[in-house]
């Protein structure tokens, strides 16, 4: 079984923030399966869902972004998960223009603290990740504040479209594998 982990920060104050796109995507997958992500395990909320006809487990670490790896490593260990083929991590990416999605079979954290934490805890960069771009069209003076700001109401329709495309990319990973999904969605 695959484990799809959305990175984000817990709590109502972080809902609809740019840094919570990972949470938003796994919540969407759960809703589409008629499921909820609510079982507490390994300092995460976890739930089963169906993606492209395959049962998957969805998780939202409740450790805050910078400590996400602790939760992900615990979940992976308990499931004896083959990290390279069984784990998908979804995160926002300030280096990608807003709305761009990028699938990778492996790679560095690219400056993302949540991914840094996951890589450090798993002791490998060999896991699938889906990054969703949040970079604005203008230069930033304070990146930390920007990622923790809520999407403006006027942009939420665009965010929903981006999440739909990201969902389709995850479905392709499940049905066709990472290489084919990358060729279609990157």
N, C-alpha and C. Protein backbone atom coordinates (compact mmCIF):
# COMPACT_ATOMS: atom_id res chain seq x y z
N UNK A 1 0.84 -1.19 0.00
CA UNK A 1 0.00 0.00 0.00
C UNK A 1 0.88 1.24 0.00
N UNK A 2 0.45 2.25 -0.71
CA UNK A 2 1.17 3.53 -0.74
C UNK A 2 0.75 4.40 0.43
N UNK A 3 1.67 5.24 0.82
CA UNK A 3 1.42 6.27 1.82
C UNK A 3 1.62 7.61 1.14
N UNK A 4 0.57 8.42 1.10
CA UNK A 4 0.65 9.77 0.52
C UNK A 4 0.57 10.75 1.69
N UNK A 5 1.64 11.52 1.87
CA UNK A 5 1.75 12.45 2.98
C UNK A 5 1.68 13.88 2.45
N UNK A 6 0.75 14.64 2.97
CA UNK A 6 0.68 16.06 2.65
C UNK A 6 1.34 16.84 3.76
N UNK A 7 2.27 17.72 3.40
CA UNK A 7 2.94 18.53 4.42
C UNK A 7 2.15 19.81 4.65
N UNK A 8 2.16 20.26 5.89
CA UNK A 8 1.47 21.47 6.28
C UNK A 8 1.64 21.73 7.75
N UNK A 9 0.86 22.65 8.26
CA UNK A 9 0.87 22.99 9.68
C UNK A 9 -0.53 22.76 10.24
N UNK A 10 -0.64 22.14 11.42
CA UNK A 10 -1.95 21.86 11.99
C UNK A 10 -2.59 23.12 12.58
N UNK A 11 -3.90 23.11 12.63
CA UNK A 11 -4.63 24.19 13.29
C UNK A 11 -5.37 25.07 12.31
N UNK A 12 -6.48 25.61 12.79
CA UNK A 12 -7.36 26.45 11.96
C UNK A 12 -6.65 27.70 11.45
N UNK A 13 -5.69 28.21 12.21
CA UNK A 13 -5.01 29.44 11.78
C UNK A 13 -4.17 29.25 10.53
N UNK A 14 -3.89 27.98 10.16
CA UNK A 14 -3.08 27.71 8.98
C UNK A 14 -3.91 27.25 7.78
N UNK A 15 -5.21 27.10 7.96
CA UNK A 15 -6.05 26.68 6.83
C UNK A 15 -5.97 27.70 5.72
N UNK A 16 -5.92 27.22 4.50
CA UNK A 16 -5.83 28.03 3.29
C UNK A 16 -4.54 28.84 3.19
N UNK A 17 -3.51 28.49 3.97
CA UNK A 17 -2.23 29.16 3.79
C UNK A 17 -1.45 28.45 2.69
N UNK A 18 -0.52 29.16 2.10
CA UNK A 18 0.28 28.60 1.01
C UNK A 18 1.07 27.37 1.46
N UNK A 19 1.52 27.39 2.70
CA UNK A 19 2.33 26.28 3.22
C UNK A 19 1.51 25.02 3.45
N UNK A 20 0.19 25.11 3.35
CA UNK A 20 -0.66 23.96 3.63
C UNK A 20 -1.23 23.29 2.38
N UNK A 21 -0.64 23.53 1.23
CA UNK A 21 -1.14 22.89 0.01
C UNK A 21 -1.08 21.36 0.10
N UNK A 22 -0.10 20.82 0.78
CA UNK A 22 -0.02 19.37 0.96
C UNK A 22 -1.22 18.84 1.72
N UNK A 23 -1.57 19.50 2.82
CA UNK A 23 -2.77 19.13 3.59
C UNK A 23 -4.01 19.25 2.71
N UNK A 24 -4.09 20.33 1.96
CA UNK A 24 -5.28 20.58 1.14
C UNK A 24 -5.47 19.49 0.09
N UNK A 25 -4.38 19.02 -0.49
CA UNK A 25 -4.49 17.99 -1.51
C UNK A 25 -4.91 16.65 -0.91
N UNK A 26 -4.33 16.24 0.20
CA UNK A 26 -4.74 14.95 0.79
C UNK A 26 -6.17 15.04 1.32
N UNK A 27 -6.58 16.20 1.81
CA UNK A 27 -7.98 16.37 2.21
C UNK A 27 -8.91 16.19 1.01
N UNK A 28 -8.52 16.73 -0.14
CA UNK A 28 -9.32 16.59 -1.35
C UNK A 28 -9.42 15.11 -1.75
N UNK A 29 -8.31 14.39 -1.70
CA UNK A 29 -8.32 12.96 -2.03
C UNK A 29 -9.26 12.20 -1.10
N UNK A 30 -9.21 12.54 0.18
CA UNK A 30 -10.08 11.88 1.16
C UNK A 30 -11.55 12.17 0.85
N UNK A 31 -11.88 13.43 0.62
CA UNK A 31 -13.27 13.82 0.31
C UNK A 31 -13.79 13.06 -0.91
N UNK A 32 -12.96 12.97 -1.94
CA UNK A 32 -13.38 12.30 -3.17
C UNK A 32 -13.61 10.81 -2.96
N UNK A 33 -13.00 10.24 -1.93
CA UNK A 33 -13.20 8.83 -1.59
C UNK A 33 -14.31 8.66 -0.56
N UNK A 34 -14.89 9.79 -0.11
CA UNK A 34 -15.90 9.71 0.94
C UNK A 34 -15.31 9.31 2.28
N UNK A 35 -14.06 9.64 2.50
CA UNK A 35 -13.35 9.28 3.73
C UNK A 35 -12.88 10.52 4.46
N UNK A 36 -12.40 10.30 5.69
CA UNK A 36 -11.83 11.38 6.48
C UNK A 36 -10.44 10.99 6.95
N UNK A 37 -9.62 11.98 7.15
CA UNK A 37 -8.28 11.77 7.69
C UNK A 37 -8.36 12.20 9.15
N UNK A 38 -8.61 11.24 10.03
CA UNK A 38 -8.85 11.62 11.42
C UNK A 38 -8.24 10.69 12.46
N UNK A 39 -7.74 9.53 12.07
CA UNK A 39 -7.15 8.60 13.04
C UNK A 39 -5.77 9.11 13.45
N UNK A 40 -5.54 9.23 14.75
CA UNK A 40 -4.25 9.72 15.25
C UNK A 40 -3.25 8.57 15.34
N UNK A 41 -2.10 8.78 14.72
CA UNK A 41 -1.03 7.78 14.75
C UNK A 41 0.29 8.46 14.40
N UNK A 42 1.33 8.17 15.16
CA UNK A 42 2.67 8.70 14.87
C UNK A 42 2.67 10.23 14.74
N UNK A 43 1.93 10.89 15.61
CA UNK A 43 1.84 12.35 15.58
C UNK A 43 1.38 12.85 14.21
N UNK A 44 0.41 12.10 13.64
CA UNK A 44 -0.20 12.47 12.36
C UNK A 44 -1.67 12.11 12.41
N UNK A 45 -2.43 12.70 11.51
CA UNK A 45 -3.79 12.25 11.25
C UNK A 45 -3.73 11.40 10.01
N UNK A 46 -4.34 10.22 10.06
CA UNK A 46 -4.20 9.22 9.02
C UNK A 46 -5.59 8.71 8.61
N UNK A 47 -5.73 8.35 7.36
CA UNK A 47 -6.98 7.76 6.88
C UNK A 47 -6.76 7.00 5.60
N UNK A 48 -7.61 6.00 5.36
CA UNK A 48 -7.57 5.23 4.13
C UNK A 48 -8.42 5.92 3.08
N UNK A 49 -8.03 5.76 1.83
CA UNK A 49 -8.78 6.32 0.72
C UNK A 49 -8.51 5.47 -0.51
N UNK A 50 -9.21 5.79 -1.57
CA UNK A 50 -8.97 5.13 -2.85
C UNK A 50 -8.55 6.19 -3.86
N UNK A 51 -7.43 5.94 -4.51
CA UNK A 51 -6.92 6.83 -5.55
C UNK A 51 -6.70 5.98 -6.79
N UNK A 52 -7.41 6.32 -7.85
CA UNK A 52 -7.29 5.60 -9.13
C UNK A 52 -7.49 4.10 -8.94
N UNK A 53 -8.45 3.73 -8.10
CA UNK A 53 -8.77 2.33 -7.89
C UNK A 53 -7.85 1.59 -6.94
N UNK A 54 -6.87 2.27 -6.38
CA UNK A 54 -5.95 1.62 -5.45
C UNK A 54 -6.16 2.18 -4.04
N UNK A 55 -6.15 1.27 -3.06
CA UNK A 55 -6.22 1.72 -1.67
C UNK A 55 -4.90 2.36 -1.29
N UNK A 56 -4.99 3.54 -0.71
CA UNK A 56 -3.81 4.26 -0.25
C UNK A 56 -4.08 4.75 1.16
N UNK A 57 -3.03 5.07 1.84
CA UNK A 57 -3.16 5.70 3.14
C UNK A 57 -2.74 7.15 3.00
N UNK A 58 -3.55 8.04 3.54
CA UNK A 58 -3.27 9.46 3.50
C UNK A 58 -2.85 9.91 4.89
N UNK A 59 -1.90 10.85 4.96
CA UNK A 59 -1.44 11.32 6.27
C UNK A 59 -1.15 12.81 6.23
N UNK A 60 -1.43 13.44 7.38
CA UNK A 60 -1.12 14.86 7.59
C UNK A 60 -0.37 14.95 8.91
N UNK A 61 0.96 15.08 8.88
CA UNK A 61 1.72 15.21 10.13
C UNK A 61 1.22 16.40 10.95
N UNK A 62 1.12 16.19 12.25
CA UNK A 62 0.64 17.24 13.15
C UNK A 62 1.80 17.84 13.95
N UNK A 63 3.00 17.68 13.45
CA UNK A 63 4.23 18.11 14.14
C UNK A 63 4.67 19.50 13.75
N UNK A 64 3.94 20.17 12.90
CA UNK A 64 4.35 21.40 12.23
C UNK A 64 5.37 21.06 11.16
N UNK A 65 5.44 21.90 10.18
CA UNK A 65 6.20 21.65 8.96
C UNK A 65 7.64 21.22 9.22
N UNK A 66 8.35 21.94 10.06
CA UNK A 66 9.79 21.72 10.22
C UNK A 66 10.14 20.41 10.91
N UNK A 67 9.16 19.72 11.48
CA UNK A 67 9.41 18.44 12.14
C UNK A 67 8.63 17.30 11.48
N UNK A 68 8.16 17.51 10.28
CA UNK A 68 7.34 16.51 9.58
C UNK A 68 8.01 15.16 9.46
N UNK A 69 9.32 15.16 9.33
CA UNK A 69 10.05 13.91 9.15
C UNK A 69 9.86 12.93 10.28
N UNK A 70 9.72 13.42 11.50
CA UNK A 70 9.52 12.52 12.65
C UNK A 70 8.27 11.67 12.45
N UNK A 71 7.21 12.31 12.03
CA UNK A 71 5.94 11.63 11.80
C UNK A 71 6.03 10.68 10.61
N UNK A 72 6.60 11.16 9.52
CA UNK A 72 6.70 10.35 8.30
C UNK A 72 7.56 9.10 8.57
N UNK A 73 8.67 9.26 9.24
CA UNK A 73 9.55 8.11 9.54
C UNK A 73 8.84 7.08 10.42
N UNK A 74 8.09 7.54 11.39
CA UNK A 74 7.34 6.64 12.26
C UNK A 74 6.31 5.85 11.46
N UNK A 75 5.54 6.54 10.62
CA UNK A 75 4.53 5.86 9.80
C UNK A 75 5.18 4.85 8.86
N UNK A 76 6.27 5.23 8.22
CA UNK A 76 6.96 4.34 7.28
C UNK A 76 7.49 3.10 7.99
N UNK A 77 8.06 3.30 9.17
CA UNK A 77 8.62 2.17 9.92
C UNK A 77 7.52 1.20 10.36
N UNK A 78 6.43 1.72 10.88
CA UNK A 78 5.33 0.86 11.34
C UNK A 78 4.74 0.04 10.21
N UNK A 79 4.79 0.57 9.00
CA UNK A 79 4.21 -0.12 7.85
C UNK A 79 5.24 -0.93 7.08
N UNK A 80 6.49 -0.89 7.54
CA UNK A 80 7.58 -1.53 6.82
C UNK A 80 7.53 -1.14 5.34
N UNK A 81 7.35 0.16 5.14
CA UNK A 81 7.15 0.73 3.82
C UNK A 81 8.43 0.74 3.00
N UNK A 82 8.34 0.35 1.74
CA UNK A 82 9.45 0.52 0.82
C UNK A 82 9.42 1.98 0.40
N UNK A 83 10.32 2.76 0.95
CA UNK A 83 10.29 4.22 0.80
C UNK A 83 10.29 4.64 -0.66
N UNK A 84 11.17 4.05 -1.44
CA UNK A 84 11.35 4.49 -2.83
C UNK A 84 10.10 4.31 -3.67
N UNK A 85 9.34 3.26 -3.44
CA UNK A 85 8.17 3.00 -4.27
C UNK A 85 6.84 3.23 -3.55
N UNK A 86 6.87 3.31 -2.23
CA UNK A 86 5.62 3.37 -1.49
C UNK A 86 5.26 4.70 -0.88
N UNK A 87 6.18 5.66 -0.89
CA UNK A 87 5.94 6.94 -0.25
C UNK A 87 5.85 8.06 -1.27
N UNK A 88 4.84 8.91 -1.12
CA UNK A 88 4.71 10.13 -1.92
C UNK A 88 4.51 11.28 -0.93
N UNK A 89 5.33 12.31 -1.05
CA UNK A 89 5.23 13.48 -0.18
C UNK A 89 4.81 14.68 -1.03
N UNK A 90 3.79 15.39 -0.57
CA UNK A 90 3.25 16.55 -1.28
C UNK A 90 3.58 17.80 -0.48
N UNK A 91 4.16 18.80 -1.16
CA UNK A 91 4.51 20.05 -0.48
C UNK A 91 4.33 21.24 -1.41
N UNK A 92 4.30 22.41 -0.80
CA UNK A 92 4.34 23.66 -1.56
C UNK A 92 5.79 23.88 -2.00
N UNK A 93 6.00 24.78 -2.96
CA UNK A 93 7.36 25.09 -3.40
C UNK A 93 7.45 26.56 -3.81
N UNK A 94 8.19 27.32 -3.03
CA UNK A 94 8.35 28.75 -3.28
C UNK A 94 9.22 29.03 -4.51
N UNK A 95 9.99 28.04 -4.96
CA UNK A 95 10.86 28.24 -6.12
C UNK A 95 10.14 28.01 -7.46
N UNK A 96 8.93 27.47 -7.40
CA UNK A 96 8.16 27.23 -8.62
C UNK A 96 7.07 28.29 -8.76
N UNK A 97 6.84 28.80 -9.96
CA UNK A 97 5.77 29.77 -10.16
C UNK A 97 4.42 29.21 -9.70
N UNK A 98 3.57 30.09 -9.22
CA UNK A 98 2.25 29.68 -8.73
C UNK A 98 1.54 28.83 -9.77
N UNK A 99 1.04 27.69 -9.32
CA UNK A 99 0.26 26.81 -10.18
C UNK A 99 1.06 25.73 -10.88
N UNK A 100 2.37 25.85 -10.91
CA UNK A 100 3.21 24.83 -11.53
C UNK A 100 3.28 23.63 -10.59
N UNK A 101 3.22 22.44 -11.16
CA UNK A 101 3.46 21.26 -10.33
C UNK A 101 4.68 20.53 -10.86
N UNK A 102 5.39 19.88 -9.96
CA UNK A 102 6.61 19.18 -10.34
C UNK A 102 6.68 17.85 -9.59
N UNK A 103 6.70 16.77 -10.35
CA UNK A 103 6.88 15.43 -9.80
C UNK A 103 8.35 15.06 -9.89
N UNK A 104 8.86 14.39 -8.89
CA UNK A 104 10.23 13.89 -8.90
C UNK A 104 10.27 12.54 -8.19
N UNK A 105 11.11 11.65 -8.68
CA UNK A 105 11.28 10.34 -8.06
C UNK A 105 12.25 10.40 -6.89
N UNK A 106 13.04 11.46 -6.85
CA UNK A 106 14.06 11.63 -5.79
C UNK A 106 14.58 13.05 -5.90
N UNK A 107 15.41 13.45 -4.96
CA UNK A 107 16.02 14.76 -5.05
C UNK A 107 16.21 15.42 -3.70
N UNK A 108 16.79 16.59 -3.76
CA UNK A 108 17.09 17.33 -2.54
C UNK A 108 15.83 18.02 -2.01
N UNK A 109 15.98 18.67 -0.89
CA UNK A 109 14.87 19.40 -0.26
C UNK A 109 14.60 20.71 -0.98
N UNK A 110 15.55 21.20 -1.73
CA UNK A 110 15.37 22.45 -2.45
C UNK A 110 15.04 23.63 -1.55
N UNK A 111 15.55 23.61 -0.33
CA UNK A 111 15.32 24.71 0.60
C UNK A 111 14.03 24.60 1.40
N UNK A 112 13.24 23.57 1.17
CA UNK A 112 11.96 23.39 1.88
C UNK A 112 12.21 22.68 3.21
N UNK A 113 11.90 23.34 4.31
CA UNK A 113 12.20 22.78 5.63
C UNK A 113 11.44 21.50 5.94
N UNK A 114 10.23 21.36 5.46
CA UNK A 114 9.49 20.12 5.67
C UNK A 114 10.16 18.96 4.97
N UNK A 115 10.58 19.18 3.72
CA UNK A 115 11.28 18.12 2.99
C UNK A 115 12.64 17.83 3.62
N UNK A 116 13.32 18.87 4.11
CA UNK A 116 14.60 18.65 4.81
C UNK A 116 14.39 17.71 5.99
N UNK A 117 13.33 17.94 6.74
CA UNK A 117 13.03 17.11 7.90
C UNK A 117 12.74 15.66 7.49
N UNK A 118 11.97 15.48 6.42
CA UNK A 118 11.64 14.14 5.95
C UNK A 118 12.90 13.41 5.49
N UNK A 119 13.73 14.09 4.72
CA UNK A 119 14.97 13.48 4.23
C UNK A 119 15.88 13.10 5.40
N UNK A 120 16.02 13.98 6.37
CA UNK A 120 16.88 13.69 7.53
C UNK A 120 16.35 12.50 8.32
N UNK A 121 15.05 12.44 8.54
CA UNK A 121 14.47 11.36 9.35
C UNK A 121 14.52 10.01 8.63
N UNK A 122 14.32 10.02 7.31
CA UNK A 122 14.35 8.78 6.54
C UNK A 122 15.75 8.38 6.13
N UNK A 123 16.67 9.34 6.20
CA UNK A 123 18.06 9.13 5.79
C UNK A 123 18.18 8.75 4.31
N UNK A 124 17.29 9.34 3.51
CA UNK A 124 17.33 9.12 2.07
C UNK A 124 16.57 10.24 1.36
N UNK A 125 16.99 10.49 0.12
CA UNK A 125 16.28 11.41 -0.78
C UNK A 125 15.49 10.64 -1.81
N UNK A 126 15.47 9.32 -1.67
CA UNK A 126 14.88 8.41 -2.66
C UNK A 126 13.41 8.16 -2.36
N UNK A 127 12.58 9.18 -2.52
CA UNK A 127 11.13 9.00 -2.40
C UNK A 127 10.46 9.98 -3.36
N UNK A 128 9.28 9.61 -3.80
CA UNK A 128 8.53 10.44 -4.75
C UNK A 128 8.01 11.67 -4.02
N UNK A 129 8.12 12.79 -4.71
CA UNK A 129 7.54 14.01 -4.16
C UNK A 129 6.81 14.77 -5.25
N UNK A 130 5.75 15.43 -4.83
CA UNK A 130 4.97 16.30 -5.70
C UNK A 130 5.03 17.68 -5.09
N UNK A 131 5.62 18.61 -5.83
CA UNK A 131 5.73 19.99 -5.36
C UNK A 131 4.74 20.86 -6.12
N UNK A 132 4.10 21.76 -5.39
CA UNK A 132 3.10 22.65 -5.97
C UNK A 132 3.60 24.08 -5.81
N UNK A 133 3.78 24.76 -6.93
CA UNK A 133 4.37 26.10 -6.93
C UNK A 133 3.49 27.16 -6.30
N UNK A 134 4.13 28.03 -5.50
CA UNK A 134 3.43 29.15 -4.85
C UNK A 134 4.14 30.48 -5.09
N UNK A 135 5.20 30.47 -5.88
CA UNK A 135 6.00 31.68 -6.11
C UNK A 135 5.15 32.79 -6.72
N UNK A 136 5.20 33.99 -6.13
CA UNK A 136 4.43 35.10 -6.70
C UNK A 136 5.16 35.71 -7.90
N UNK A 137 4.46 36.55 -8.61
CA UNK A 137 5.03 37.22 -9.77
C UNK A 137 5.93 38.40 -9.38
N UNK A 138 5.95 38.74 -8.11
CA UNK A 138 6.74 39.87 -7.63
C UNK A 138 7.79 39.39 -6.62
N UNK A 139 8.88 40.15 -6.44
CA UNK A 139 9.90 39.76 -5.46
C UNK A 139 9.34 39.80 -4.04
N UNK A 140 9.89 38.94 -3.19
CA UNK A 140 9.44 38.86 -1.79
C UNK A 140 10.48 39.47 -0.87
N UNK A 141 10.02 40.19 0.12
CA UNK A 141 10.93 40.70 1.14
C UNK A 141 10.97 39.78 2.34
N UNK A 142 9.89 38.99 2.55
CA UNK A 142 9.81 38.10 3.71
C UNK A 142 9.12 36.80 3.30
N UNK A 143 9.91 35.82 2.88
CA UNK A 143 9.38 34.55 2.39
C UNK A 143 8.60 33.81 3.48
N UNK A 144 9.10 33.84 4.71
CA UNK A 144 8.43 33.13 5.81
C UNK A 144 7.01 33.63 6.01
N UNK A 145 6.83 34.93 6.04
CA UNK A 145 5.49 35.49 6.19
C UNK A 145 4.61 35.14 5.00
N UNK A 146 5.19 35.19 3.81
CA UNK A 146 4.42 34.90 2.59
C UNK A 146 3.84 33.49 2.62
N UNK A 147 4.65 32.47 2.95
CA UNK A 147 4.16 31.10 2.92
C UNK A 147 3.11 30.84 3.99
N UNK A 148 3.13 31.63 5.07
CA UNK A 148 2.16 31.44 6.15
C UNK A 148 0.91 32.31 5.99
N UNK A 149 0.86 33.11 4.92
CA UNK A 149 -0.33 33.91 4.63
C UNK A 149 -1.37 33.04 3.94
N UNK A 150 -2.62 33.38 4.16
CA UNK A 150 -3.71 32.70 3.47
C UNK A 150 -3.76 33.16 2.01
N UNK A 151 -4.18 32.24 1.14
CA UNK A 151 -4.43 32.64 -0.24
C UNK A 151 -5.52 33.69 -0.23
N UNK A 152 -5.39 34.75 -1.03
CA UNK A 152 -6.47 35.74 -1.12
C UNK A 152 -7.75 35.08 -1.64
N UNK A 153 -8.87 35.55 -1.20
CA UNK A 153 -10.16 35.00 -1.63
C UNK A 153 -10.27 34.97 -3.15
N UNK A 154 -9.79 35.99 -3.81
CA UNK A 154 -9.87 36.08 -5.27
C UNK A 154 -9.06 34.99 -5.97
N UNK A 155 -8.09 34.41 -5.29
CA UNK A 155 -7.20 33.41 -5.90
C UNK A 155 -7.65 31.98 -5.59
N UNK A 156 -8.64 31.80 -4.75
CA UNK A 156 -9.01 30.45 -4.31
C UNK A 156 -9.55 29.57 -5.43
N UNK A 157 -10.21 30.15 -6.41
CA UNK A 157 -10.65 29.37 -7.57
C UNK A 157 -9.47 28.81 -8.33
N UNK A 158 -8.43 29.61 -8.48
CA UNK A 158 -7.20 29.15 -9.14
C UNK A 158 -6.54 28.05 -8.32
N UNK A 159 -6.55 28.20 -7.00
CA UNK A 159 -5.96 27.18 -6.13
C UNK A 159 -6.69 25.86 -6.31
N UNK A 160 -8.01 25.89 -6.39
CA UNK A 160 -8.78 24.67 -6.60
C UNK A 160 -8.38 23.99 -7.91
N UNK A 161 -8.17 24.76 -8.96
CA UNK A 161 -7.76 24.19 -10.25
C UNK A 161 -6.37 23.56 -10.15
N UNK A 162 -5.47 24.21 -9.44
CA UNK A 162 -4.12 23.67 -9.24
C UNK A 162 -4.20 22.35 -8.47
N UNK A 163 -5.03 22.31 -7.44
CA UNK A 163 -5.20 21.09 -6.66
C UNK A 163 -5.78 19.96 -7.51
N UNK A 164 -6.68 20.28 -8.41
CA UNK A 164 -7.23 19.26 -9.31
C UNK A 164 -6.14 18.68 -10.21
N UNK A 165 -5.30 19.55 -10.74
CA UNK A 165 -4.19 19.07 -11.58
C UNK A 165 -3.22 18.23 -10.77
N UNK A 166 -2.92 18.66 -9.54
CA UNK A 166 -2.03 17.89 -8.67
C UNK A 166 -2.64 16.54 -8.33
N UNK A 167 -3.95 16.51 -8.10
CA UNK A 167 -4.66 15.25 -7.84
C UNK A 167 -4.51 14.32 -9.04
N UNK A 168 -4.68 14.86 -10.23
CA UNK A 168 -4.55 14.05 -11.44
C UNK A 168 -3.12 13.51 -11.58
N UNK A 169 -2.14 14.30 -11.20
CA UNK A 169 -0.75 13.85 -11.23
C UNK A 169 -0.54 12.69 -10.26
N UNK A 170 -1.12 12.78 -9.07
CA UNK A 170 -0.99 11.68 -8.10
C UNK A 170 -1.68 10.42 -8.62
N UNK A 171 -2.82 10.60 -9.25
CA UNK A 171 -3.50 9.43 -9.84
C UNK A 171 -2.61 8.76 -10.88
N UNK A 172 -1.94 9.57 -11.68
CA UNK A 172 -1.04 9.03 -12.70
C UNK A 172 0.13 8.28 -12.07
N UNK A 173 0.65 8.79 -10.97
CA UNK A 173 1.73 8.09 -10.27
C UNK A 173 1.25 6.71 -9.83
N UNK A 174 0.04 6.66 -9.30
CA UNK A 174 -0.52 5.39 -8.81
C UNK A 174 -0.78 4.42 -9.95
N UNK A 175 -1.34 4.89 -11.05
CA UNK A 175 -1.72 3.98 -12.14
C UNK A 175 -0.59 3.67 -13.11
N UNK A 176 0.24 4.68 -13.41
CA UNK A 176 1.22 4.53 -14.48
C UNK A 176 2.67 4.52 -14.01
N UNK A 177 2.91 4.87 -12.75
CA UNK A 177 4.27 4.96 -12.24
C UNK A 177 4.83 6.36 -12.37
N UNK A 178 5.89 6.63 -11.63
CA UNK A 178 6.44 7.98 -11.54
C UNK A 178 7.03 8.46 -12.86
N UNK A 179 7.72 7.60 -13.60
CA UNK A 179 8.36 8.05 -14.83
C UNK A 179 7.35 8.54 -15.86
N UNK A 180 6.30 7.77 -16.08
CA UNK A 180 5.29 8.19 -17.04
C UNK A 180 4.55 9.42 -16.53
N UNK A 181 4.24 9.46 -15.24
CA UNK A 181 3.54 10.62 -14.68
C UNK A 181 4.38 11.88 -14.85
N UNK A 182 5.69 11.78 -14.64
CA UNK A 182 6.56 12.94 -14.82
C UNK A 182 6.53 13.42 -16.26
N UNK A 183 6.51 12.50 -17.21
CA UNK A 183 6.52 12.89 -18.62
C UNK A 183 5.23 13.61 -19.01
N UNK A 184 4.15 13.33 -18.34
CA UNK A 184 2.87 13.96 -18.66
C UNK A 184 2.68 15.27 -17.91
N UNK A 185 3.08 15.32 -16.64
CA UNK A 185 2.71 16.46 -15.80
C UNK A 185 3.81 17.49 -15.55
N UNK A 186 5.07 17.15 -15.82
CA UNK A 186 6.13 18.13 -15.59
C UNK A 186 6.30 19.04 -16.79
